[in-house]
N, C-alpha and C. Protein backbone atom coordinates (compact mmCIF):
# COMPACT_ATOMS: atom_id res chain seq x y z
N MET A 1 100.16 49.17 109.05
CA MET A 1 100.34 50.19 110.07
C MET A 1 99.00 50.42 110.77
N THR A 2 98.99 50.49 112.10
CA THR A 2 97.75 50.68 112.84
C THR A 2 97.37 52.16 112.85
N ASP A 3 96.09 52.42 113.25
CA ASP A 3 95.67 53.82 113.37
C ASP A 3 96.54 54.56 114.37
N GLY A 4 96.91 53.89 115.47
CA GLY A 4 97.77 54.52 116.47
C GLY A 4 99.12 54.90 115.89
N GLN A 5 99.68 54.02 115.06
CA GLN A 5 100.96 54.33 114.42
C GLN A 5 100.80 55.47 113.43
N ASP A 6 99.67 55.48 112.69
CA ASP A 6 99.41 56.59 111.78
C ASP A 6 99.39 57.90 112.53
N ARG A 7 98.67 57.92 113.67
CA ARG A 7 98.54 59.14 114.44
C ARG A 7 99.90 59.57 114.98
N ALA A 8 100.69 58.60 115.44
CA ALA A 8 101.99 58.93 115.99
C ALA A 8 102.90 59.51 114.93
N SER A 9 102.84 58.96 113.70
CA SER A 9 103.71 59.47 112.65
C SER A 9 103.31 60.88 112.24
N VAL A 10 101.99 61.15 112.20
CA VAL A 10 101.54 62.50 111.89
C VAL A 10 101.96 63.45 113.00
N SER A 11 101.76 63.01 114.27
CA SER A 11 102.06 63.85 115.42
C SER A 11 103.52 64.27 115.45
N ALA A 12 104.40 63.36 115.05
CA ALA A 12 105.83 63.63 115.14
C ALA A 12 106.27 64.74 114.20
N HIS A 13 105.46 65.06 113.20
CA HIS A 13 105.87 66.03 112.20
C HIS A 13 105.03 67.29 112.16
N ARG A 14 104.08 67.42 113.06
CA ARG A 14 103.19 68.56 112.90
C ARG A 14 103.54 69.76 113.74
N GLY A 15 104.49 69.66 114.66
CA GLY A 15 104.89 70.81 115.46
C GLY A 15 103.89 71.08 116.57
N PRO A 16 103.69 72.37 116.91
CA PRO A 16 102.78 72.73 118.00
C PRO A 16 101.39 72.13 117.78
N PRO A 17 100.63 71.97 118.86
CA PRO A 17 99.38 71.20 118.78
C PRO A 17 98.29 71.83 117.94
N VAL A 18 97.51 70.94 117.34
CA VAL A 18 96.33 71.32 116.57
C VAL A 18 95.13 70.66 117.25
N LEU A 19 94.11 71.46 117.52
CA LEU A 19 92.90 70.97 118.17
C LEU A 19 91.81 70.78 117.13
N GLY A 20 91.22 69.60 117.10
CA GLY A 20 90.10 69.34 116.20
C GLY A 20 88.78 69.44 116.94
N VAL A 21 87.78 70.02 116.30
CA VAL A 21 86.46 70.15 116.91
C VAL A 21 85.40 69.67 115.92
N VAL A 22 84.58 68.71 116.36
CA VAL A 22 83.43 68.28 115.57
C VAL A 22 82.23 69.12 116.03
N LEU A 23 81.67 69.89 115.12
CA LEU A 23 80.51 70.74 115.42
C LEU A 23 79.26 69.89 115.28
N ALA A 24 78.68 69.49 116.43
CA ALA A 24 77.57 68.54 116.41
C ALA A 24 76.54 68.87 117.49
N ALA A 25 76.37 70.15 117.80
CA ALA A 25 75.49 70.53 118.91
C ALA A 25 74.04 70.74 118.49
N GLY A 26 73.78 70.91 117.21
CA GLY A 26 72.46 71.31 116.75
C GLY A 26 71.40 70.23 116.84
N ALA A 27 70.16 70.66 116.65
CA ALA A 27 69.01 69.76 116.74
C ALA A 27 68.74 69.00 115.45
N GLY A 28 69.37 69.42 114.35
CA GLY A 28 69.15 68.74 113.07
C GLY A 28 67.69 68.79 112.63
N SER A 29 67.09 69.97 112.71
CA SER A 29 65.64 70.09 112.44
C SER A 29 65.27 69.62 111.04
N ARG A 30 66.07 69.94 110.04
CA ARG A 30 65.76 69.48 108.68
C ARG A 30 65.98 67.98 108.54
N TYR A 31 66.93 67.47 109.31
CA TYR A 31 67.24 66.04 109.22
C TYR A 31 66.23 65.19 110.00
N GLY A 32 65.62 65.80 111.01
CA GLY A 32 64.62 65.08 111.79
C GLY A 32 65.10 64.59 113.14
N GLU A 33 66.38 64.75 113.43
CA GLU A 33 66.97 64.38 114.71
C GLU A 33 68.36 65.00 114.77
N PRO A 34 68.91 65.13 115.98
CA PRO A 34 70.28 65.63 116.08
C PRO A 34 71.24 64.71 115.30
N LYS A 35 72.04 65.32 114.43
CA LYS A 35 72.91 64.52 113.57
C LYS A 35 74.04 63.84 114.33
N ILE A 36 74.25 64.25 115.57
CA ILE A 36 75.27 63.60 116.38
C ILE A 36 74.96 62.11 116.55
N GLY A 37 73.68 61.74 116.44
CA GLY A 37 73.29 60.35 116.57
C GLY A 37 72.97 59.65 115.27
N ALA A 38 73.18 60.36 114.16
CA ALA A 38 72.79 59.81 112.85
C ALA A 38 73.51 58.50 112.56
N HIS A 39 72.78 57.58 111.97
CA HIS A 39 73.31 56.26 111.60
C HIS A 39 73.99 55.58 112.80
N GLN A 40 73.25 55.59 113.92
CA GLN A 40 73.73 54.97 115.16
C GLN A 40 75.11 55.48 115.57
N GLY A 41 75.34 56.76 115.33
CA GLY A 41 76.60 57.38 115.73
C GLY A 41 77.75 57.19 114.77
N GLN A 42 77.48 56.54 113.62
CA GLN A 42 78.57 56.29 112.67
C GLN A 42 79.15 57.58 112.10
N TRP A 43 78.28 58.57 111.83
CA TRP A 43 78.80 59.83 111.29
C TRP A 43 79.76 60.49 112.28
N LEU A 44 79.37 60.48 113.56
CA LEU A 44 80.22 61.08 114.58
C LEU A 44 81.54 60.33 114.67
N ASN A 45 81.49 59.02 114.66
CA ASN A 45 82.73 58.24 114.72
C ASN A 45 83.65 58.57 113.55
N ARG A 46 83.07 58.71 112.35
CA ARG A 46 83.89 59.03 111.17
C ARG A 46 84.53 60.42 111.29
N ALA A 47 83.75 61.38 111.81
CA ALA A 47 84.29 62.74 111.95
C ALA A 47 85.44 62.77 112.95
N VAL A 48 85.27 62.10 114.08
CA VAL A 48 86.34 62.04 115.08
C VAL A 48 87.56 61.34 114.50
N HIS A 49 87.34 60.23 113.81
CA HIS A 49 88.44 59.48 113.20
C HIS A 49 89.20 60.37 112.19
N ALA A 50 88.45 61.10 111.38
CA ALA A 50 89.09 61.96 110.37
C ALA A 50 90.01 62.98 111.03
N LEU A 51 89.55 63.60 112.10
CA LEU A 51 90.36 64.62 112.78
C LEU A 51 91.55 64.00 113.49
N ALA A 52 91.31 62.90 114.21
CA ALA A 52 92.38 62.30 115.01
C ALA A 52 93.49 61.73 114.13
N ILE A 53 93.12 61.02 113.10
CA ILE A 53 94.12 60.40 112.22
C ILE A 53 94.68 61.43 111.25
N GLY A 54 93.90 62.45 110.94
CA GLY A 54 94.34 63.48 109.99
C GLY A 54 95.35 64.46 110.54
N GLY A 55 95.60 64.46 111.87
CA GLY A 55 96.65 65.32 112.39
C GLY A 55 96.31 66.16 113.59
N CYS A 56 95.13 65.99 114.18
CA CYS A 56 94.76 66.75 115.37
C CYS A 56 95.19 65.99 116.61
N GLY A 57 95.97 66.63 117.46
CA GLY A 57 96.45 65.97 118.66
C GLY A 57 95.38 65.75 119.70
N GLU A 58 94.31 66.54 119.63
CA GLU A 58 93.19 66.41 120.55
C GLU A 58 91.92 66.67 119.76
N VAL A 59 90.85 65.95 120.07
CA VAL A 59 89.57 66.13 119.38
C VAL A 59 88.47 66.33 120.41
N LEU A 60 87.69 67.40 120.20
CA LEU A 60 86.52 67.69 121.03
C LEU A 60 85.27 67.50 120.18
N VAL A 61 84.21 67.00 120.81
CA VAL A 61 82.90 66.90 120.16
C VAL A 61 81.98 67.91 120.82
N ALA A 62 81.61 68.96 120.08
CA ALA A 62 80.68 69.96 120.61
C ALA A 62 79.27 69.41 120.52
N MET A 63 78.60 69.31 121.67
CA MET A 63 77.26 68.70 121.71
C MET A 63 76.33 69.53 122.57
N GLY A 64 75.03 69.44 122.26
CA GLY A 64 74.07 70.23 123.01
C GLY A 64 72.67 69.69 122.95
N ALA A 65 72.07 69.65 121.75
CA ALA A 65 70.70 69.15 121.61
C ALA A 65 70.59 67.71 122.09
N ARG A 66 71.64 66.94 121.89
CA ARG A 66 71.72 65.58 122.41
C ARG A 66 73.11 65.39 122.99
N ILE A 67 73.16 64.85 124.19
CA ILE A 67 74.43 64.55 124.83
C ILE A 67 74.70 63.06 124.68
N VAL A 68 75.85 62.73 124.14
CA VAL A 68 76.21 61.33 123.92
C VAL A 68 77.59 61.06 124.50
N GLU A 69 77.91 59.79 124.61
CA GLU A 69 79.26 59.40 125.01
C GLU A 69 80.18 59.69 123.82
N PRO A 70 81.21 60.51 124.01
CA PRO A 70 82.09 60.81 122.87
C PRO A 70 82.85 59.57 122.43
N PRO A 71 83.11 59.43 121.14
CA PRO A 71 83.87 58.28 120.66
C PRO A 71 85.26 58.21 121.29
N VAL A 72 85.80 57.02 121.31
CA VAL A 72 87.17 56.82 121.81
C VAL A 72 88.11 57.77 121.06
N GLY A 73 88.97 58.42 121.81
CA GLY A 73 89.91 59.35 121.19
C GLY A 73 89.42 60.77 121.14
N SER A 74 88.25 61.04 121.75
CA SER A 74 87.71 62.40 121.78
C SER A 74 87.12 62.69 123.14
N SER A 75 86.82 63.97 123.38
CA SER A 75 86.21 64.41 124.62
C SER A 75 84.98 65.23 124.31
N ALA A 76 84.04 65.24 125.25
CA ALA A 76 82.81 66.02 125.07
C ALA A 76 83.04 67.48 125.42
N LEU A 77 82.44 68.36 124.63
CA LEU A 77 82.41 69.79 124.92
C LEU A 77 80.94 70.21 124.87
N GLU A 78 80.32 70.37 126.03
CA GLU A 78 78.90 70.70 126.07
C GLU A 78 78.69 72.19 125.81
N VAL A 79 77.69 72.48 125.01
CA VAL A 79 77.34 73.84 124.62
C VAL A 79 75.97 74.15 125.24
N PRO A 80 75.92 74.77 126.41
CA PRO A 80 74.64 74.98 127.08
C PRO A 80 73.63 75.77 126.25
N ARG A 81 74.09 76.76 125.51
CA ARG A 81 73.18 77.61 124.72
C ARG A 81 73.22 77.21 123.25
N TRP A 82 73.23 75.92 123.00
CA TRP A 82 73.33 75.41 121.63
C TRP A 82 72.20 75.93 120.74
N ALA A 83 71.03 76.17 121.32
CA ALA A 83 69.88 76.62 120.52
C ALA A 83 70.08 78.03 119.95
N ASP A 84 71.08 78.75 120.44
CA ASP A 84 71.39 80.07 119.88
C ASP A 84 71.97 79.98 118.48
N GLY A 85 72.42 78.78 118.09
CA GLY A 85 72.91 78.59 116.73
C GLY A 85 74.37 78.20 116.65
N LEU A 86 74.81 77.98 115.41
CA LEU A 86 76.16 77.53 115.14
C LEU A 86 77.21 78.50 115.70
N GLY A 87 76.91 79.80 115.62
CA GLY A 87 77.87 80.78 116.11
C GLY A 87 78.22 80.55 117.57
N GLU A 88 77.22 80.21 118.38
CA GLU A 88 77.48 79.95 119.79
C GLU A 88 78.33 78.70 119.98
N THR A 89 78.07 77.67 119.18
CA THR A 89 78.87 76.45 119.27
C THR A 89 80.33 76.73 118.94
N VAL A 90 80.57 77.47 117.88
CA VAL A 90 81.95 77.81 117.51
C VAL A 90 82.59 78.69 118.58
N ARG A 91 81.82 79.61 119.14
CA ARG A 91 82.35 80.50 120.18
C ARG A 91 82.80 79.69 121.41
N VAL A 92 81.98 78.73 121.83
CA VAL A 92 82.34 77.89 122.98
C VAL A 92 83.59 77.06 122.65
N ALA A 93 83.66 76.54 121.43
CA ALA A 93 84.83 75.76 121.02
C ALA A 93 86.10 76.61 121.04
N ILE A 94 85.98 77.83 120.56
CA ILE A 94 87.14 78.73 120.55
C ILE A 94 87.59 79.05 121.98
N ALA A 95 86.62 79.33 122.86
CA ALA A 95 86.97 79.63 124.25
C ALA A 95 87.72 78.47 124.88
N GLU A 96 87.28 77.26 124.58
CA GLU A 96 87.96 76.07 125.11
C GLU A 96 89.34 75.92 124.47
N GLY A 97 89.44 76.15 123.17
CA GLY A 97 90.72 76.01 122.49
C GLY A 97 91.76 77.00 122.98
N ARG A 98 91.32 78.20 123.32
CA ARG A 98 92.27 79.23 123.75
C ARG A 98 92.85 78.94 125.13
N ARG A 99 92.30 77.94 125.80
CA ARG A 99 92.87 77.51 127.09
C ARG A 99 94.06 76.57 126.89
N ARG A 100 94.28 76.12 125.65
CA ARG A 100 95.39 75.19 125.39
C ARG A 100 96.67 75.98 125.16
N PRO A 101 97.66 75.82 126.03
CA PRO A 101 98.92 76.55 125.83
C PRO A 101 99.63 76.08 124.57
N GLY A 102 100.16 77.03 123.84
CA GLY A 102 100.95 76.69 122.65
C GLY A 102 100.13 76.20 121.47
N LEU A 103 98.81 76.42 121.50
CA LEU A 103 97.97 75.95 120.40
C LEU A 103 98.38 76.61 119.09
N ARG A 104 98.53 75.80 118.05
CA ARG A 104 98.87 76.32 116.73
C ARG A 104 97.63 76.67 115.93
N ALA A 105 96.65 75.79 115.96
CA ALA A 105 95.47 76.00 115.11
C ALA A 105 94.33 75.14 115.64
N MET A 106 93.13 75.51 115.19
CA MET A 106 91.93 74.74 115.46
C MET A 106 91.34 74.31 114.13
N VAL A 107 90.99 73.04 114.02
CA VAL A 107 90.35 72.52 112.82
C VAL A 107 88.88 72.29 113.13
N LEU A 108 88.03 73.04 112.44
CA LEU A 108 86.58 72.92 112.61
C LEU A 108 86.03 71.99 111.55
N HIS A 109 85.31 70.98 112.02
CA HIS A 109 84.73 69.99 111.12
C HIS A 109 83.26 69.82 111.50
N VAL A 110 82.48 69.27 110.61
CA VAL A 110 81.05 69.07 110.87
C VAL A 110 80.73 67.59 110.86
N VAL A 111 79.65 67.23 111.55
CA VAL A 111 79.31 65.82 111.70
C VAL A 111 78.59 65.26 110.48
N ASP A 112 78.07 66.15 109.62
CA ASP A 112 77.19 65.68 108.54
C ASP A 112 77.84 65.62 107.16
N THR A 113 79.16 65.43 107.14
CA THR A 113 79.87 65.19 105.87
C THR A 113 80.61 63.85 106.01
N PRO A 114 79.86 62.74 106.04
CA PRO A 114 80.47 61.46 106.41
C PRO A 114 81.50 60.91 105.44
N ASP A 115 81.58 61.45 104.22
CA ASP A 115 82.60 60.90 103.31
C ASP A 115 83.95 61.62 103.42
N VAL A 116 84.03 62.61 104.31
CA VAL A 116 85.30 63.32 104.51
C VAL A 116 86.15 62.51 105.50
N GLY A 117 87.30 62.07 105.03
CA GLY A 117 88.16 61.23 105.85
C GLY A 117 89.44 61.93 106.28
N PRO A 118 90.32 61.18 106.93
CA PRO A 118 91.56 61.77 107.45
C PRO A 118 92.47 62.34 106.38
N GLU A 119 92.38 61.83 105.14
CA GLU A 119 93.24 62.37 104.08
C GLU A 119 92.91 63.84 103.79
N VAL A 120 91.63 64.18 103.88
CA VAL A 120 91.21 65.57 103.67
C VAL A 120 91.75 66.44 104.79
N VAL A 121 91.57 66.00 106.02
CA VAL A 121 92.04 66.78 107.17
C VAL A 121 93.55 66.98 107.09
N ALA A 122 94.28 65.92 106.77
CA ALA A 122 95.74 66.02 106.68
C ALA A 122 96.16 67.01 105.59
N ARG A 123 95.45 66.99 104.47
CA ARG A 123 95.78 67.91 103.37
C ARG A 123 95.56 69.37 103.77
N VAL A 124 94.47 69.63 104.49
CA VAL A 124 94.17 71.00 104.92
C VAL A 124 95.19 71.47 105.96
N ILE A 125 95.52 70.61 106.93
CA ILE A 125 96.51 70.99 107.94
C ILE A 125 97.87 71.24 107.30
N ALA A 126 98.24 70.40 106.35
CA ALA A 126 99.53 70.58 105.66
C ALA A 126 99.56 71.89 104.89
N ALA A 127 98.44 72.22 104.25
CA ALA A 127 98.38 73.47 103.48
C ALA A 127 98.46 74.69 104.39
N ALA A 128 97.89 74.57 105.59
CA ALA A 128 97.96 75.69 106.54
C ALA A 128 99.39 75.92 107.01
N GLY A 129 100.17 74.84 107.12
CA GLY A 129 101.55 74.97 107.53
C GLY A 129 101.69 75.28 109.01
N PRO A 130 102.89 75.64 109.43
CA PRO A 130 103.16 75.80 110.86
C PRO A 130 102.75 77.15 111.46
N SER A 131 102.33 78.09 110.64
CA SER A 131 102.05 79.44 111.14
C SER A 131 100.77 79.49 111.96
N THR A 132 100.81 80.22 113.07
CA THR A 132 99.60 80.45 113.87
C THR A 132 98.70 81.50 113.23
N ALA A 133 99.15 82.10 112.15
CA ALA A 133 98.34 83.10 111.44
C ALA A 133 97.65 82.52 110.22
N ALA A 134 97.75 81.21 110.01
CA ALA A 134 97.22 80.59 108.80
C ALA A 134 95.70 80.45 108.84
N LEU A 135 95.11 80.48 107.65
CA LEU A 135 93.71 80.16 107.44
C LEU A 135 93.65 79.24 106.22
N ALA A 136 92.98 78.11 106.36
CA ALA A 136 92.87 77.18 105.23
C ALA A 136 91.54 76.47 105.30
N ARG A 137 90.98 76.16 104.13
CA ARG A 137 89.73 75.41 104.13
C ARG A 137 89.67 74.48 102.94
N ALA A 138 88.99 73.36 103.16
CA ALA A 138 88.77 72.42 102.06
C ALA A 138 87.75 72.98 101.09
N VAL A 139 87.99 72.75 99.80
CA VAL A 139 86.99 73.03 98.77
C VAL A 139 86.84 71.77 97.94
N TYR A 140 85.65 71.61 97.39
CA TYR A 140 85.31 70.41 96.62
C TYR A 140 84.85 70.85 95.24
N GLU A 141 85.73 70.67 94.25
CA GLU A 141 85.50 71.20 92.91
C GLU A 141 85.18 72.69 92.99
N GLY A 142 85.93 73.37 93.85
CA GLY A 142 85.81 74.81 94.01
C GLY A 142 84.77 75.26 95.01
N ARG A 143 83.92 74.35 95.52
CA ARG A 143 82.85 74.71 96.46
C ARG A 143 83.40 74.66 97.88
N PRO A 144 83.31 75.78 98.63
CA PRO A 144 83.83 75.80 100.00
C PRO A 144 83.13 74.78 100.89
N GLY A 145 83.90 74.14 101.76
CA GLY A 145 83.33 73.16 102.67
C GLY A 145 84.16 73.04 103.93
N HIS A 146 84.08 71.87 104.55
CA HIS A 146 84.83 71.57 105.77
C HIS A 146 85.75 70.38 105.52
N PRO A 147 86.82 70.33 106.28
CA PRO A 147 87.19 71.11 107.46
C PRO A 147 87.79 72.47 107.12
N VAL A 148 87.81 73.31 108.17
CA VAL A 148 88.42 74.63 108.11
C VAL A 148 89.49 74.68 109.19
N CYS A 149 90.67 75.14 108.83
CA CYS A 149 91.78 75.27 109.78
C CYS A 149 91.99 76.75 110.08
N VAL A 150 91.85 77.10 111.35
CA VAL A 150 91.97 78.50 111.79
C VAL A 150 93.17 78.62 112.71
N GLY A 151 94.18 79.38 112.29
CA GLY A 151 95.36 79.59 113.12
C GLY A 151 95.01 80.28 114.42
N ALA A 152 95.76 79.98 115.47
CA ALA A 152 95.46 80.49 116.80
C ALA A 152 95.40 82.02 116.85
N ASP A 153 96.16 82.70 116.00
CA ASP A 153 96.14 84.16 116.01
C ASP A 153 94.79 84.74 115.63
N HIS A 154 93.95 83.97 114.96
CA HIS A 154 92.66 84.46 114.49
C HIS A 154 91.51 84.16 115.46
N LEU A 155 91.74 83.34 116.46
CA LEU A 155 90.62 82.84 117.25
C LEU A 155 89.85 83.93 117.98
N GLY A 156 90.55 84.88 118.55
CA GLY A 156 89.87 85.97 119.25
C GLY A 156 89.03 86.81 118.32
N ALA A 157 89.61 87.19 117.18
CA ALA A 157 88.88 88.02 116.22
C ALA A 157 87.70 87.27 115.62
N LEU A 158 87.89 85.98 115.34
CA LEU A 158 86.78 85.19 114.82
C LEU A 158 85.65 85.10 115.83
N SER A 159 85.98 84.86 117.08
CA SER A 159 84.97 84.74 118.12
C SER A 159 84.11 86.00 118.20
N ALA A 160 84.73 87.15 118.02
CA ALA A 160 84.01 88.42 118.12
C ALA A 160 82.99 88.62 116.99
N THR A 161 83.12 87.86 115.90
CA THR A 161 82.21 88.02 114.76
C THR A 161 81.03 87.05 114.80
N LEU A 162 81.06 86.09 115.70
CA LEU A 162 80.08 85.00 115.67
C LEU A 162 78.73 85.45 116.22
N THR A 163 77.69 85.10 115.49
CA THR A 163 76.35 85.46 115.92
C THR A 163 75.34 84.52 115.29
N GLY A 164 74.29 84.22 116.02
CA GLY A 164 73.19 83.42 115.48
C GLY A 164 73.66 82.10 114.90
N ASP A 165 73.09 81.75 113.75
CA ASP A 165 73.40 80.46 113.13
C ASP A 165 74.50 80.60 112.08
N VAL A 166 75.42 81.52 112.32
CA VAL A 166 76.51 81.78 111.37
C VAL A 166 77.83 81.40 112.03
N GLY A 167 78.61 80.61 111.31
CA GLY A 167 79.90 80.19 111.83
C GLY A 167 81.03 81.05 111.32
N ALA A 168 82.10 80.40 110.87
CA ALA A 168 83.31 81.11 110.45
C ALA A 168 83.23 81.66 109.04
N GLY A 169 82.18 81.34 108.28
CA GLY A 169 82.09 81.74 106.88
C GLY A 169 82.34 83.21 106.60
N PRO A 170 81.62 84.13 107.27
CA PRO A 170 81.84 85.55 106.99
C PRO A 170 83.26 86.02 107.32
N TYR A 171 83.83 85.49 108.38
CA TYR A 171 85.20 85.86 108.75
C TYR A 171 86.17 85.45 107.64
N LEU A 172 86.00 84.22 107.15
CA LEU A 172 86.86 83.74 106.08
C LEU A 172 86.64 84.53 104.79
N ALA A 173 85.38 84.86 104.50
CA ALA A 173 85.09 85.63 103.29
C ALA A 173 85.74 87.01 103.34
N ALA A 174 85.74 87.62 104.52
CA ALA A 174 86.34 88.95 104.66
C ALA A 174 87.85 88.91 104.52
N ARG A 175 88.44 87.74 104.71
CA ARG A 175 89.89 87.58 104.60
C ARG A 175 90.25 86.61 103.49
N HIS A 176 89.46 86.62 102.43
CA HIS A 176 89.63 85.62 101.37
C HIS A 176 91.02 85.62 100.76
N VAL A 177 91.68 86.77 100.78
CA VAL A 177 93.03 86.84 100.21
C VAL A 177 94.00 86.00 101.05
N GLU A 178 93.74 85.90 102.35
CA GLU A 178 94.62 85.16 103.25
C GLU A 178 94.30 83.66 103.29
N VAL A 179 93.10 83.28 102.89
CA VAL A 179 92.66 81.90 103.04
C VAL A 179 93.26 81.02 101.95
N VAL A 180 93.91 79.95 102.37
CA VAL A 180 94.42 78.95 101.44
C VAL A 180 93.28 77.98 101.16
N THR A 181 92.85 77.91 99.90
CA THR A 181 91.81 76.95 99.54
C THR A 181 92.49 75.65 99.10
N VAL A 182 91.99 74.56 99.63
CA VAL A 182 92.64 73.27 99.44
C VAL A 182 91.67 72.35 98.70
N GLU A 183 91.93 72.12 97.43
CA GLU A 183 91.03 71.29 96.63
C GLU A 183 91.09 69.84 97.11
N CYS A 184 89.93 69.31 97.47
CA CYS A 184 89.84 67.94 98.00
C CYS A 184 88.78 67.12 97.27
N GLY A 185 88.34 67.62 96.11
CA GLY A 185 87.31 66.91 95.37
C GLY A 185 87.74 65.54 94.88
N ASP A 186 89.04 65.29 94.86
CA ASP A 186 89.51 63.96 94.48
C ASP A 186 89.43 62.97 95.64
N LEU A 187 89.17 63.48 96.84
CA LEU A 187 89.13 62.63 98.03
C LEU A 187 87.72 62.41 98.58
N ALA A 188 86.82 63.36 98.36
CA ALA A 188 85.48 63.28 98.93
C ALA A 188 84.56 64.26 98.20
N THR A 189 83.26 64.11 98.41
CA THR A 189 82.31 65.09 97.88
C THR A 189 82.19 66.28 98.81
N GLY A 190 82.36 66.04 100.13
CA GLY A 190 82.22 67.11 101.11
C GLY A 190 80.81 67.63 101.24
N VAL A 191 79.82 66.90 100.73
CA VAL A 191 78.43 67.37 100.75
C VAL A 191 77.85 67.23 102.15
N ASP A 192 77.24 68.33 102.65
CA ASP A 192 76.49 68.27 103.90
C ASP A 192 75.17 67.57 103.67
N ILE A 193 74.89 66.56 104.47
CA ILE A 193 73.63 65.83 104.33
C ILE A 193 72.62 66.42 105.30
N ASP A 194 71.63 67.12 104.77
CA ASP A 194 70.65 67.83 105.60
C ASP A 194 69.33 67.10 105.74
N ARG A 195 69.10 66.08 104.91
CA ARG A 195 67.82 65.37 104.98
C ARG A 195 68.10 63.87 105.02
N PRO A 196 67.24 63.11 105.74
CA PRO A 196 67.48 61.67 105.84
C PRO A 196 67.28 60.96 104.54
């Protein structure tokens, strides 16, 4: 079965659209370069592939510190104020996502977890289910990680909490009773690589 057939079979069963976003706008100061270009763009390609094949009907790459040609199957989302931190990147992604009519959920993924594949994304989306009020996140041997699936009903409230270099973590922590944790340690380590 080809990747296109995989995507089509997932698409046929997922209901209203799910938007995937690769968070890759930062400068990667600890890594030494913007991670969007790490390993000649292989990390970015893997992240886009994971979202597209894992069940996202559309994939955006949030970029800022370095602007690159988005991988096939994705579109660029430029974040002009990327230096304000992760919160600004997520806020811009949410604003773009809320323009999609009938959006069910947004899946937030990061560029620096290269061993996370489409099986992880598919498991998280499946655990979130069809509700626009769902919240789900991957955990790895109990450790919270990415991807995170945020139902469309939460996007406005989440956006209002974003500040500085803080993403969705505090919002999810405040609603921990609602968050479905999805163990994915059998599929990947989910470790963020911060140093070369």
